[in-house]
Amino acid sequence: KEMVATVVPPLIAWLHERKIEVHVDVETQGCVELNVPCIAREAMGDKI
């Protein structure tokens, strides 16, 4: 949780600034409130 809370939100903002859509997996979403699509790891390959 501590690592996700400090690293992931700025990374998402950085990617969004570059017009890159972001998806996170269920485990990452479960560590901190993120306003991005959350999908299972196995389903990511079709979207990213």
ModelCIF file with pLDDT and N, C-alpha, C, O atoms, coordinates in Angstrom:
data_MODEL
#
_entry.id   MODEL 
#
_entity.id                         1 
_entity.type                       polymer 
_entity.pdbx_number_of_molecules   1 
#
_entity_poly.entity_id                      1 
_entity_poly.type                           'polypeptide(L)' 
_entity_poly.nstd_linkage                   no 
_entity_poly.nstd_monomer                   no 
_entity_poly.pdbx_seq_one_letter_code       KEMVATVVPPLIAWLHERKIEVHVDVETQGCVELNVPCIAREAMGDKI 
_entity_poly.pdbx_seq_one_letter_code_can   KEMVATVVPPLIAWLHERKIEVHVDVETQGCVELNVPCIAREAMGDKI 
_entity_poly.pdbx_strand_id                 A 
#
loop_
_entity_poly_seq.entity_id 
_entity_poly_seq.num 
_entity_poly_seq.mon_id 
_entity_poly_seq.hetero 
1 1  LYS n 
1 2  GLU n 
1 3  MET n 
1 4  VAL n 
1 5  ALA n 
1 6  THR n 
1 7  VAL n 
1 8  VAL n 
1 9  PRO n 
1 10 PRO n 
1 11 LEU n 
1 12 ILE n 
1 13 ALA n 
1 14 TRP n 
1 15 LEU n 
1 16 HIS n 
1 17 GLU n 
1 18 ARG n 
1 19 LYS n 
1 20 ILE n 
1 21 GLU n 
1 22 VAL n 
1 23 HIS n 
1 24 VAL n 
1 25 ASP n 
1 26 VAL n 
1 27 GLU n 
1 28 THR n 
1 29 GLN n 
1 30 GLY n 
1 31 CYS n 
1 32 VAL n 
1 33 GLU n 
1 34 LEU n 
1 35 ASN n 
1 36 VAL n 
1 37 PRO n 
1 38 CYS n 
1 39 ILE n 
1 40 ALA n 
1 41 ARG n 
1 42 GLU n 
1 43 ALA n 
1 44 MET n 
1 45 GLY n 
1 46 ASP n 
1 47 LYS n 
1 48 ILE n 
#
_struct_asym.id          A 
_struct_asym.entity_id   1 
#
loop_
_ma_qa_metric.id 
_ma_qa_metric.mode 
_ma_qa_metric.name 
_ma_qa_metric.software_group_id 
_ma_qa_metric.type 
1 global pLDDT . pLDDT 
2 local  pLDDT . pLDDT 
#
_ma_qa_metric_global.metric_id      1 
_ma_qa_metric_global.metric_value   90.42 
_ma_qa_metric_global.model_id       1 
_ma_qa_metric_global.ordinal_id     1 
#
loop_
_ma_qa_metric_local.label_asym_id 
_ma_qa_metric_local.label_comp_id 
_ma_qa_metric_local.label_seq_id 
_ma_qa_metric_local.metric_id 
_ma_qa_metric_local.metric_value 
_ma_qa_metric_local.model_id 
_ma_qa_metric_local.ordinal_id 
A LYS 1  2 74.00 1 1  
A GLU 2  2 81.00 1 2  
A MET 3  2 81.00 1 3  
A VAL 4  2 83.00 1 4  
A ALA 5  2 86.00 1 5  
A THR 6  2 89.00 1 6  
A VAL 7  2 91.00 1 7  
A VAL 8  2 93.00 1 8  
A PRO 9  2 93.00 1 9  
A PRO 10 2 94.00 1 10 
A LEU 11 2 95.00 1 11 
A ILE 12 2 95.00 1 12 
A ALA 13 2 95.00 1 13 
A TRP 14 2 97.00 1 14 
A LEU 15 2 97.00 1 15 
A HIS 16 2 96.00 1 16 
A GLU 17 2 97.00 1 17 
A ARG 18 2 97.00 1 18 
A LYS 19 2 97.00 1 19 
A ILE 20 2 97.00 1 20 
A GLU 21 2 96.00 1 21 
A VAL 22 2 96.00 1 22 
A HIS 23 2 96.00 1 23 
A VAL 24 2 94.00 1 24 
A ASP 25 2 92.00 1 25 
A VAL 26 2 89.00 1 26 
A GLU 27 2 87.00 1 27 
A THR 28 2 89.00 1 28 
A GLN 29 2 88.00 1 29 
A GLY 30 2 83.00 1 30 
A CYS 31 2 81.00 1 31 
A VAL 32 2 80.00 1 32 
A GLU 33 2 79.00 1 33 
A LEU 34 2 82.00 1 34 
A ASN 35 2 85.00 1 35 
A VAL 36 2 91.00 1 36 
A PRO 37 2 90.00 1 37 
A CYS 38 2 92.00 1 38 
A ILE 39 2 92.00 1 39 
A ALA 40 2 92.00 1 40 
A ARG 41 2 90.00 1 41 
A GLU 42 2 90.00 1 42 
A ALA 43 2 92.00 1 43 
A MET 44 2 93.00 1 44 
A GLY 45 2 91.00 1 45 
A ASP 46 2 92.00 1 46 
A LYS 47 2 94.00 1 47 
A ILE 48 2 96.00 1 48 
#
loop_
_atom_site.group_PDB 
_atom_site.id 
_atom_site.type_symbol 
_atom_site.label_atom_id 
_atom_site.label_alt_id 
_atom_site.label_comp_id 
_atom_site.label_asym_id 
_atom_site.label_entity_id 
_atom_site.label_seq_id 
_atom_site.pdbx_PDB_ins_code 
_atom_site.Cartn_x 
_atom_site.Cartn_y 
_atom_site.Cartn_z 
_atom_site.occupancy 
_atom_site.B_iso_or_equiv 
_atom_site.pdbx_formal_charge 
_atom_site.auth_seq_id 
_atom_site.auth_comp_id 
_atom_site.auth_asym_id 
_atom_site.auth_atom_id 
_atom_site.pdbx_PDB_model_num 
ATOM 1   N N  . LYS A 1 1  ? 0.803   -1.221  0.000   1.00 74.00 ? 1  LYS A N  1 
ATOM 2   C CA . LYS A 1 1  ? 0.000   0.000   0.000   1.00 74.00 ? 1  LYS A CA 1 
ATOM 3   C C  . LYS A 1 1  ? 0.842   1.279   0.000   1.00 74.00 ? 1  LYS A C  1 
ATOM 4   O O  . LYS A 1 1  ? 0.544   2.207   -0.752  1.00 74.00 ? 1  LYS A O  1 
ATOM 5   N N  . GLU A 1 2  ? 1.876   1.342   0.821   1.00 81.00 ? 2  GLU A N  1 
ATOM 6   C CA . GLU A 1 2  ? 2.692   2.555   0.905   1.00 81.00 ? 2  GLU A CA 1 
ATOM 7   C C  . GLU A 1 2  ? 3.373   2.847   -0.430  1.00 81.00 ? 2  GLU A C  1 
ATOM 8   O O  . GLU A 1 2  ? 3.394   3.994   -0.876  1.00 81.00 ? 2  GLU A O  1 
ATOM 9   N N  . MET A 1 3  ? 3.924   1.824   -1.064  1.00 81.00 ? 3  MET A N  1 
ATOM 10  C CA . MET A 1 3  ? 4.609   1.993   -2.333  1.00 81.00 ? 3  MET A CA 1 
ATOM 11  C C  . MET A 1 3  ? 3.627   2.408   -3.421  1.00 81.00 ? 3  MET A C  1 
ATOM 12  O O  . MET A 1 3  ? 3.912   3.321   -4.195  1.00 81.00 ? 3  MET A O  1 
ATOM 13  N N  . VAL A 1 4  ? 2.497   1.759   -3.486  1.00 83.00 ? 4  VAL A N  1 
ATOM 14  C CA . VAL A 1 4  ? 1.500   2.071   -4.509  1.00 83.00 ? 4  VAL A CA 1 
ATOM 15  C C  . VAL A 1 4  ? 1.012   3.506   -4.335  1.00 83.00 ? 4  VAL A C  1 
ATOM 16  O O  . VAL A 1 4  ? 0.856   4.230   -5.319  1.00 83.00 ? 4  VAL A O  1 
ATOM 17  N N  . ALA A 1 5  ? 0.769   3.922   -3.095  1.00 86.00 ? 5  ALA A N  1 
ATOM 18  C CA . ALA A 1 5  ? 0.257   5.262   -2.820  1.00 86.00 ? 5  ALA A CA 1 
ATOM 19  C C  . ALA A 1 5  ? 1.242   6.354   -3.204  1.00 86.00 ? 5  ALA A C  1 
ATOM 20  O O  . ALA A 1 5  ? 0.823   7.445   -3.593  1.00 86.00 ? 5  ALA A O  1 
ATOM 21  N N  . THR A 1 6  ? 2.532   6.091   -3.107  1.00 89.00 ? 6  THR A N  1 
ATOM 22  C CA . THR A 1 6  ? 3.515   7.123   -3.434  1.00 89.00 ? 6  THR A CA 1 
ATOM 23  C C  . THR A 1 6  ? 3.975   7.089   -4.883  1.00 89.00 ? 6  THR A C  1 
ATOM 24  O O  . THR A 1 6  ? 4.345   8.126   -5.432  1.00 89.00 ? 6  THR A O  1 
ATOM 25  N N  . VAL A 1 7  ? 3.959   5.935   -5.506  1.00 91.00 ? 7  VAL A N  1 
ATOM 26  C CA . VAL A 1 7  ? 4.517   5.815   -6.860  1.00 91.00 ? 7  VAL A CA 1 
ATOM 27  C C  . VAL A 1 7  ? 3.451   5.868   -7.955  1.00 91.00 ? 7  VAL A C  1 
ATOM 28  O O  . VAL A 1 7  ? 3.656   6.522   -8.978  1.00 91.00 ? 7  VAL A O  1 
ATOM 29  N N  . VAL A 1 8  ? 2.339   5.203   -7.760  1.00 93.00 ? 8  VAL A N  1 
ATOM 30  C CA . VAL A 1 8  ? 1.366   5.033   -8.842  1.00 93.00 ? 8  VAL A CA 1 
ATOM 31  C C  . VAL A 1 8  ? 0.594   6.301   -9.206  1.00 93.00 ? 8  VAL A C  1 
ATOM 32  O O  . VAL A 1 8  ? 0.504   6.613   -10.393 1.00 93.00 ? 8  VAL A O  1 
ATOM 33  N N  . PRO A 1 9  ? 0.032   7.049   -8.254  1.00 93.00 ? 9  PRO A N  1 
ATOM 34  C CA . PRO A 1 9  ? -0.708  8.252   -8.672  1.00 93.00 ? 9  PRO A CA 1 
ATOM 35  C C  . PRO A 1 9  ? 0.107   9.245   -9.512  1.00 93.00 ? 9  PRO A C  1 
ATOM 36  O O  . PRO A 1 9  ? -0.409  9.738   -10.516 1.00 93.00 ? 9  PRO A O  1 
ATOM 37  N N  . PRO A 1 10 ? 1.364   9.561   -9.143  1.00 94.00 ? 10 PRO A N  1 
ATOM 38  C CA . PRO A 1 10 ? 2.145   10.447  -10.013 1.00 94.00 ? 10 PRO A CA 1 
ATOM 39  C C  . PRO A 1 10 ? 2.448   9.825   -11.385 1.00 94.00 ? 10 PRO A C  1 
ATOM 40  O O  . PRO A 1 10 ? 2.519   10.534  -12.389 1.00 94.00 ? 10 PRO A O  1 
ATOM 41  N N  . LEU A 1 11 ? 2.623   8.505   -11.421 1.00 95.00 ? 11 LEU A N  1 
ATOM 42  C CA . LEU A 1 11 ? 2.864   7.829   -12.688 1.00 95.00 ? 11 LEU A CA 1 
ATOM 43  C C  . LEU A 1 11 ? 1.638   7.926   -13.588 1.00 95.00 ? 11 LEU A C  1 
ATOM 44  O O  . LEU A 1 11 ? 1.763   8.187   -14.784 1.00 95.00 ? 11 LEU A O  1 
ATOM 45  N N  . ILE A 1 12 ? 0.464   7.719   -13.022 1.00 95.00 ? 12 ILE A N  1 
ATOM 46  C CA . ILE A 1 12 ? -0.778  7.840   -13.793 1.00 95.00 ? 12 ILE A CA 1 
ATOM 47  C C  . ILE A 1 12 ? -0.925  9.261   -14.331 1.00 95.00 ? 12 ILE A C  1 
ATOM 48  O O  . ILE A 1 12 ? -1.266  9.446   -15.500 1.00 95.00 ? 12 ILE A O  1 
ATOM 49  N N  . ALA A 1 13 ? -0.672  10.269  -13.490 1.00 95.00 ? 13 ALA A N  1 
ATOM 50  C CA . ALA A 1 13 ? -0.764  11.668  -13.927 1.00 95.00 ? 13 ALA A CA 1 
ATOM 51  C C  . ALA A 1 13 ? 0.225   11.943  -15.060 1.00 95.00 ? 13 ALA A C  1 
ATOM 52  O O  . ALA A 1 13 ? -0.120  12.617  -16.031 1.00 95.00 ? 13 ALA A O  1 
ATOM 53  N N  . TRP A 1 14 ? 1.435   11.432  -14.947 1.00 97.00 ? 14 TRP A N  1 
ATOM 54  C CA . TRP A 1 14 ? 2.471   11.611  -15.964 1.00 97.00 ? 14 TRP A CA 1 
ATOM 55  C C  . TRP A 1 14 ? 2.012   11.009  -17.293 1.00 97.00 ? 14 TRP A C  1 
ATOM 56  O O  . TRP A 1 14 ? 2.165   11.629  -18.345 1.00 97.00 ? 14 TRP A O  1 
ATOM 57  N N  . LEU A 1 15 ? 1.455   9.810   -17.241 1.00 97.00 ? 15 LEU A N  1 
ATOM 58  C CA . LEU A 1 15 ? 0.970   9.151   -18.457 1.00 97.00 ? 15 LEU A CA 1 
ATOM 59  C C  . LEU A 1 15 ? -0.223  9.903   -19.052 1.00 97.00 ? 15 LEU A C  1 
ATOM 60  O O  . LEU A 1 15 ? -0.303  10.081  -20.268 1.00 97.00 ? 15 LEU A O  1 
ATOM 61  N N  . HIS A 1 16 ? -1.139  10.340  -18.204 1.00 96.00 ? 16 HIS A N  1 
ATOM 62  C CA . HIS A 1 16 ? -2.306  11.092  -18.699 1.00 96.00 ? 16 HIS A CA 1 
ATOM 63  C C  . HIS A 1 16 ? -1.888  12.400  -19.363 1.00 96.00 ? 16 HIS A C  1 
ATOM 64  O O  . HIS A 1 16 ? -2.492  12.805  -20.357 1.00 96.00 ? 16 HIS A O  1 
ATOM 65  N N  . GLU A 1 17 ? -0.860  13.071  -18.829 1.00 97.00 ? 17 GLU A N  1 
ATOM 66  C CA . GLU A 1 17 ? -0.344  14.305  -19.446 1.00 97.00 ? 17 GLU A CA 1 
ATOM 67  C C  . GLU A 1 17 ? 0.129   14.050  -20.878 1.00 97.00 ? 17 GLU A C  1 
ATOM 68  O O  . GLU A 1 17 ? 0.132   14.959  -21.708 1.00 97.00 ? 17 GLU A O  1 
ATOM 69  N N  . ARG A 1 18 ? 0.520   12.836  -21.152 1.00 97.00 ? 18 ARG A N  1 
ATOM 70  C CA . ARG A 1 18 ? 0.997   12.453  -22.483 1.00 97.00 ? 18 ARG A CA 1 
ATOM 71  C C  . ARG A 1 18 ? -0.093  11.765  -23.299 1.00 97.00 ? 18 ARG A C  1 
ATOM 72  O O  . ARG A 1 18 ? 0.189   11.113  -24.304 1.00 97.00 ? 18 ARG A O  1 
ATOM 73  N N  . LYS A 1 19 ? -1.327  11.916  -22.861 1.00 97.00 ? 19 LYS A N  1 
ATOM 74  C CA . LYS A 1 19 ? -2.511  11.382  -23.551 1.00 97.00 ? 19 LYS A CA 1 
ATOM 75  C C  . LYS A 1 19 ? -2.491  9.862   -23.663 1.00 97.00 ? 19 LYS A C  1 
ATOM 76  O O  . LYS A 1 19 ? -2.941  9.301   -24.662 1.00 97.00 ? 19 LYS A O  1 
ATOM 77  N N  . ILE A 1 20 ? -1.970  9.203   -22.642 1.00 97.00 ? 20 ILE A N  1 
ATOM 78  C CA . ILE A 1 20 ? -1.927  7.740   -22.607 1.00 97.00 ? 20 ILE A CA 1 
ATOM 79  C C  . ILE A 1 20 ? -2.987  7.252   -21.635 1.00 97.00 ? 20 ILE A C  1 
ATOM 80  O O  . ILE A 1 20 ? -3.006  7.642   -20.468 1.00 97.00 ? 20 ILE A O  1 
ATOM 81  N N  . GLU A 1 21 ? -3.867  6.395   -22.129 1.00 96.00 ? 21 GLU A N  1 
ATOM 82  C CA . GLU A 1 21 ? -4.895  5.775   -21.306 1.00 96.00 ? 21 GLU A CA 1 
ATOM 83  C C  . GLU A 1 21 ? -4.215  4.808   -20.338 1.00 96.00 ? 21 GLU A C  1 
ATOM 84  O O  . GLU A 1 21 ? -3.255  4.133   -20.710 1.00 96.00 ? 21 GLU A O  1 
ATOM 85  N N  . VAL A 1 22 ? -4.700  4.736   -19.115 1.00 96.00 ? 22 VAL A N  1 
ATOM 86  C CA . VAL A 1 22 ? -4.069  3.897   -18.090 1.00 96.00 ? 22 VAL A CA 1 
ATOM 87  C C  . VAL A 1 22 ? -5.084  2.912   -17.513 1.00 96.00 ? 22 VAL A C  1 
ATOM 88  O O  . VAL A 1 22 ? -6.231  3.265   -17.237 1.00 96.00 ? 22 VAL A O  1 
ATOM 89  N N  . HIS A 1 23 ? -4.637  1.679   -17.340 1.00 96.00 ? 23 HIS A N  1 
ATOM 90  C CA . HIS A 1 23 ? -5.405  0.626   -16.675 1.00 96.00 ? 23 HIS A CA 1 
ATOM 91  C C  . HIS A 1 23 ? -4.541  0.077   -15.547 1.00 96.00 ? 23 HIS A C  1 
ATOM 92  O O  . HIS A 1 23 ? -3.324  -0.035  -15.695 1.00 96.00 ? 23 HIS A O  1 
ATOM 93  N N  . VAL A 1 24 ? -5.154  -0.260  -14.435 1.00 94.00 ? 24 VAL A N  1 
ATOM 94  C CA . VAL A 1 24 ? -4.435  -0.905  -13.348 1.00 94.00 ? 24 VAL A CA 1 
ATOM 95  C C  . VAL A 1 24 ? -5.079  -2.258  -13.072 1.00 94.00 ? 24 VAL A C  1 
ATOM 96  O O  . VAL A 1 24 ? -6.237  -2.494  -13.415 1.00 94.00 ? 24 VAL A O  1 
ATOM 97  N N  . ASP A 1 25 ? -4.308  -3.138  -12.447 1.00 92.00 ? 25 ASP A N  1 
ATOM 98  C CA . ASP A 1 25 ? -4.861  -4.437  -12.092 1.00 92.00 ? 25 ASP A CA 1 
ATOM 99  C C  . ASP A 1 25 ? -5.604  -4.339  -10.758 1.00 92.00 ? 25 ASP A C  1 
ATOM 100 O O  . ASP A 1 25 ? -5.518  -3.334  -10.052 1.00 92.00 ? 25 ASP A O  1 
ATOM 101 N N  . VAL A 1 26 ? -6.312  -5.377  -10.441 1.00 89.00 ? 26 VAL A N  1 
ATOM 102 C CA . VAL A 1 26 ? -7.157  -5.410  -9.250  1.00 89.00 ? 26 VAL A CA 1 
ATOM 103 C C  . VAL A 1 26 ? -6.327  -5.217  -7.980  1.00 89.00 ? 26 VAL A C  1 
ATOM 104 O O  . VAL A 1 26 ? -6.756  -4.511  -7.067  1.00 89.00 ? 26 VAL A O  1 
ATOM 105 N N  . GLU A 1 27 ? -5.144  -5.836  -7.909  1.00 87.00 ? 27 GLU A N  1 
ATOM 106 C CA . GLU A 1 27 ? -4.298  -5.727  -6.722  1.00 87.00 ? 27 GLU A CA 1 
ATOM 107 C C  . GLU A 1 27 ? -3.839  -4.294  -6.498  1.00 87.00 ? 27 GLU A C  1 
ATOM 108 O O  . GLU A 1 27 ? -3.808  -3.822  -5.362  1.00 87.00 ? 27 GLU A O  1 
ATOM 109 N N  . THR A 1 28 ? -3.482  -3.600  -7.571  1.00 89.00 ? 28 THR A N  1 
ATOM 110 C CA . THR A 1 28 ? -3.040  -2.211  -7.460  1.00 89.00 ? 28 THR A CA 1 
ATOM 111 C C  . THR A 1 28 ? -4.204  -1.321  -7.023  1.00 89.00 ? 28 THR A C  1 
ATOM 112 O O  . THR A 1 28 ? -4.049  -0.477  -6.140  1.00 89.00 ? 28 THR A O  1 
ATOM 113 N N  . GLN A 1 29 ? -5.354  -1.511  -7.639  1.00 88.00 ? 29 GLN A N  1 
ATOM 114 C CA . GLN A 1 29 ? -6.546  -0.734  -7.290  1.00 88.00 ? 29 GLN A CA 1 
ATOM 115 C C  . GLN A 1 29 ? -6.925  -0.946  -5.820  1.00 88.00 ? 29 GLN A C  1 
ATOM 116 O O  . GLN A 1 29 ? -7.403  -0.024  -5.160  1.00 88.00 ? 29 GLN A O  1 
ATOM 117 N N  . GLY A 1 30 ? -6.711  -2.156  -5.316  1.00 83.00 ? 30 GLY A N  1 
ATOM 118 C CA . GLY A 1 30 ? -7.056  -2.470  -3.940  1.00 83.00 ? 30 GLY A CA 1 
ATOM 119 C C  . GLY A 1 30 ? -6.172  -1.793  -2.911  1.00 83.00 ? 30 GLY A C  1 
ATOM 120 O O  . GLY A 1 30 ? -6.542  -1.721  -1.739  1.00 83.00 ? 30 GLY A O  1 
ATOM 121 N N  . CYS A 1 31 ? -5.016  -1.297  -3.317  1.00 81.00 ? 31 CYS A N  1 
ATOM 122 C CA . CYS A 1 31 ? -4.093  -0.659  -2.378  1.00 81.00 ? 31 CYS A CA 1 
ATOM 123 C C  . CYS A 1 31 ? -4.370  0.824   -2.172  1.00 81.00 ? 31 CYS A C  1 
ATOM 124 O O  . CYS A 1 31 ? -4.074  1.372   -1.110  1.00 81.00 ? 31 CYS A O  1 
ATOM 125 N N  . VAL A 1 32 ? -4.933  1.473   -3.181  1.00 80.00 ? 32 VAL A N  1 
ATOM 126 C CA . VAL A 1 32 ? -5.170  2.912   -3.085  1.00 80.00 ? 32 VAL A CA 1 
ATOM 127 C C  . VAL A 1 32 ? -6.302  3.285   -4.039  1.00 80.00 ? 32 VAL A C  1 
ATOM 128 O O  . VAL A 1 32 ? -6.470  2.656   -5.083  1.00 80.00 ? 32 VAL A O  1 
ATOM 129 N N  . GLU A 1 33 ? -7.065  4.294   -3.686  1.00 79.00 ? 33 GLU A N  1 
ATOM 130 C CA . GLU A 1 33 ? -8.175  4.756   -4.526  1.00 79.00 ? 33 GLU A CA 1 
ATOM 131 C C  . GLU A 1 33 ? -7.608  5.405   -5.785  1.00 79.00 ? 33 GLU A C  1 
ATOM 132 O O  . GLU A 1 33 ? -6.946  6.440   -5.706  1.00 79.00 ? 33 GLU A O  1 
ATOM 133 N N  . LEU A 1 34 ? -7.864  4.804   -6.939  1.00 82.00 ? 34 LEU A N  1 
ATOM 134 C CA . LEU A 1 34 ? -7.377  5.327   -8.208  1.00 82.00 ? 34 LEU A CA 1 
ATOM 135 C C  . LEU A 1 34 ? -8.561  5.520   -9.148  1.00 82.00 ? 34 LEU A C  1 
ATOM 136 O O  . LEU A 1 34 ? -9.450  4.672   -9.221  1.00 82.00 ? 34 LEU A O  1 
ATOM 137 N N  . ASN A 1 35 ? -8.566  6.624   -9.854  1.00 85.00 ? 35 ASN A N  1 
ATOM 138 C CA . ASN A 1 35 ? -9.664  6.935   -10.761 1.00 85.00 ? 35 ASN A CA 1 
ATOM 139 C C  . ASN A 1 35 ? -9.295  6.541   -12.195 1.00 85.00 ? 35 ASN A C  1 
ATOM 140 O O  . ASN A 1 35 ? -9.296  7.373   -13.103 1.00 85.00 ? 35 ASN A O  1 
ATOM 141 N N  . VAL A 1 36 ? -8.983  5.271   -12.376 1.00 91.00 ? 36 VAL A N  1 
ATOM 142 C CA . VAL A 1 36 ? -8.649  4.725   -13.695 1.00 91.00 ? 36 VAL A CA 1 
ATOM 143 C C  . VAL A 1 36 ? -9.307  3.358   -13.830 1.00 91.00 ? 36 VAL A C  1 
ATOM 144 O O  . VAL A 1 36 ? -9.652  2.738   -12.824 1.00 91.00 ? 36 VAL A O  1 
ATOM 145 N N  . PRO A 1 37 ? -9.486  2.882   -15.059 1.00 90.00 ? 37 PRO A N  1 
ATOM 146 C CA . PRO A 1 37 ? -10.093 1.553   -15.221 1.00 90.00 ? 37 PRO A CA 1 
ATOM 147 C C  . PRO A 1 37 ? -9.270  0.462   -14.536 1.00 90.00 ? 37 PRO A C  1 
ATOM 148 O O  . PRO A 1 37 ? -8.041  0.443   -14.612 1.00 90.00 ? 37 PRO A O  1 
ATOM 149 N N  . CYS A 1 38 ? -9.972  -0.427  -13.876 1.00 92.00 ? 38 CYS A N  1 
ATOM 150 C CA . CYS A 1 38 ? -9.357  -1.544  -13.165 1.00 92.00 ? 38 CYS A CA 1 
ATOM 151 C C  . CYS A 1 38 ? -9.802  -2.840  -13.834 1.00 92.00 ? 38 CYS A C  1 
ATOM 152 O O  . CYS A 1 38 ? -10.998 -3.105  -13.956 1.00 92.00 ? 38 CYS A O  1 
ATOM 153 N N  . ILE A 1 39 ? -8.837  -3.643  -14.266 1.00 92.00 ? 39 ILE A N  1 
ATOM 154 C CA . ILE A 1 39 ? -9.155  -4.910  -14.920 1.00 92.00 ? 39 ILE A CA 1 
ATOM 155 C C  . ILE A 1 39 ? -8.211  -6.001  -14.425 1.00 92.00 ? 39 ILE A C  1 
ATOM 156 O O  . ILE A 1 39 ? -7.131  -5.712  -13.911 1.00 92.00 ? 39 ILE A O  1 
ATOM 157 N N  . ALA A 1 40 ? -8.613  -7.220  -14.579 1.00 92.00 ? 40 ALA A N  1 
ATOM 158 C CA . ALA A 1 40 ? -7.767  -8.354  -14.193 1.00 92.00 ? 40 ALA A CA 1 
ATOM 159 C C  . ALA A 1 40 ? -6.520  -8.378  -15.066 1.00 92.00 ? 40 ALA A C  1 
ATOM 160 O O  . ALA A 1 40 ? -6.569  -7.990  -16.233 1.00 92.00 ? 40 ALA A O  1 
ATOM 161 N N  . ARG A 1 41 ? -5.412  -8.829  -14.511 1.00 90.00 ? 41 ARG A N  1 
ATOM 162 C CA . ARG A 1 41 ? -4.152  -8.893  -15.263 1.00 90.00 ? 41 ARG A CA 1 
ATOM 163 C C  . ARG A 1 41 ? -4.316  -9.677  -16.568 1.00 90.00 ? 41 ARG A C  1 
ATOM 164 O O  . ARG A 1 41 ? -3.789  -9.285  -17.609 1.00 90.00 ? 41 ARG A O  1 
ATOM 165 N N  . GLU A 1 42 ? -5.046  -10.779 -16.497 1.00 90.00 ? 42 GLU A N  1 
ATOM 166 C CA . GLU A 1 42 ? -5.203  -11.632 -17.668 1.00 90.00 ? 42 GLU A CA 1 
ATOM 167 C C  . GLU A 1 42 ? -5.943  -10.934 -18.800 1.00 90.00 ? 42 GLU A C  1 
ATOM 168 O O  . GLU A 1 42 ? -5.794  -11.326 -19.957 1.00 90.00 ? 42 GLU A O  1 
ATOM 169 N N  . ALA A 1 43 ? -6.733  -9.914  -18.500 1.00 92.00 ? 43 ALA A N  1 
ATOM 170 C CA . ALA A 1 43 ? -7.507  -9.189  -19.513 1.00 92.00 ? 43 ALA A CA 1 
ATOM 171 C C  . ALA A 1 43 ? -6.775  -7.957  -20.046 1.00 92.00 ? 43 ALA A C  1 
ATOM 172 O O  . ALA A 1 43 ? -7.218  -7.357  -21.026 1.00 92.00 ? 43 ALA A O  1 
ATOM 173 N N  . MET A 1 44 ? -5.680  -7.577  -19.430 1.00 93.00 ? 44 MET A N  1 
ATOM 174 C CA . MET A 1 44 ? -4.967  -6.368  -19.840 1.00 93.00 ? 44 MET A CA 1 
ATOM 175 C C  . MET A 1 44 ? -4.395  -6.447  -21.247 1.00 93.00 ? 44 MET A C  1 
ATOM 176 O O  . MET A 1 44 ? -4.364  -5.440  -21.956 1.00 93.00 ? 44 MET A O  1 
ATOM 177 N N  . GLY A 1 45 ? -3.949  -7.606  -21.657 1.00 91.00 ? 45 GLY A N  1 
ATOM 178 C CA . GLY A 1 45 ? -3.278  -7.760  -22.945 1.00 91.00 ? 45 GLY A CA 1 
ATOM 179 C C  . GLY A 1 45 ? -4.079  -7.262  -24.130 1.00 91.00 ? 45 GLY A C  1 
ATOM 180 O O  . GLY A 1 45 ? -3.502  -6.829  -25.127 1.00 91.00 ? 45 GLY A O  1 
ATOM 181 N N  . ASP A 1 46 ? -5.399  -7.316  -24.037 1.00 92.00 ? 46 ASP A N  1 
ATOM 182 C CA . ASP A 1 46 ? -6.269  -6.839  -25.118 1.00 92.00 ? 46 ASP A CA 1 
ATOM 183 C C  . ASP A 1 46 ? -6.429  -5.325  -25.119 1.00 92.00 ? 46 ASP A C  1 
ATOM 184 O O  . ASP A 1 46 ? -6.899  -4.759  -26.107 1.00 92.00 ? 46 ASP A O  1 
ATOM 185 N N  . LYS A 1 47 ? -6.051  -4.662  -24.040 1.00 94.00 ? 47 LYS A N  1 
ATOM 186 C CA . LYS A 1 47 ? -6.351  -3.240  -23.876 1.00 94.00 ? 47 LYS A CA 1 
ATOM 187 C C  . LYS A 1 47 ? -5.129  -2.334  -23.890 1.00 94.00 ? 47 LYS A C  1 
ATOM 188 O O  . LYS A 1 47 ? -5.274  -1.121  -24.042 1.00 94.00 ? 47 LYS A O  1 
ATOM 189 N N  . ILE A 1 48 ? -3.917  -2.893  -23.735 1.00 96.00 ? 48 ILE A N  1 
ATOM 190 C CA . ILE A 1 48 ? -2.737  -2.046  -23.551 1.00 96.00 ? 48 ILE A CA 1 
ATOM 191 C C  . ILE A 1 48 ? -1.676  -2.282  -24.623 1.00 96.00 ? 48 ILE A C  1 
ATOM 192 O O  . ILE A 1 48 ? -0.624  -1.643  -24.602 1.00 96.00 ? 48 ILE A O  1 
#
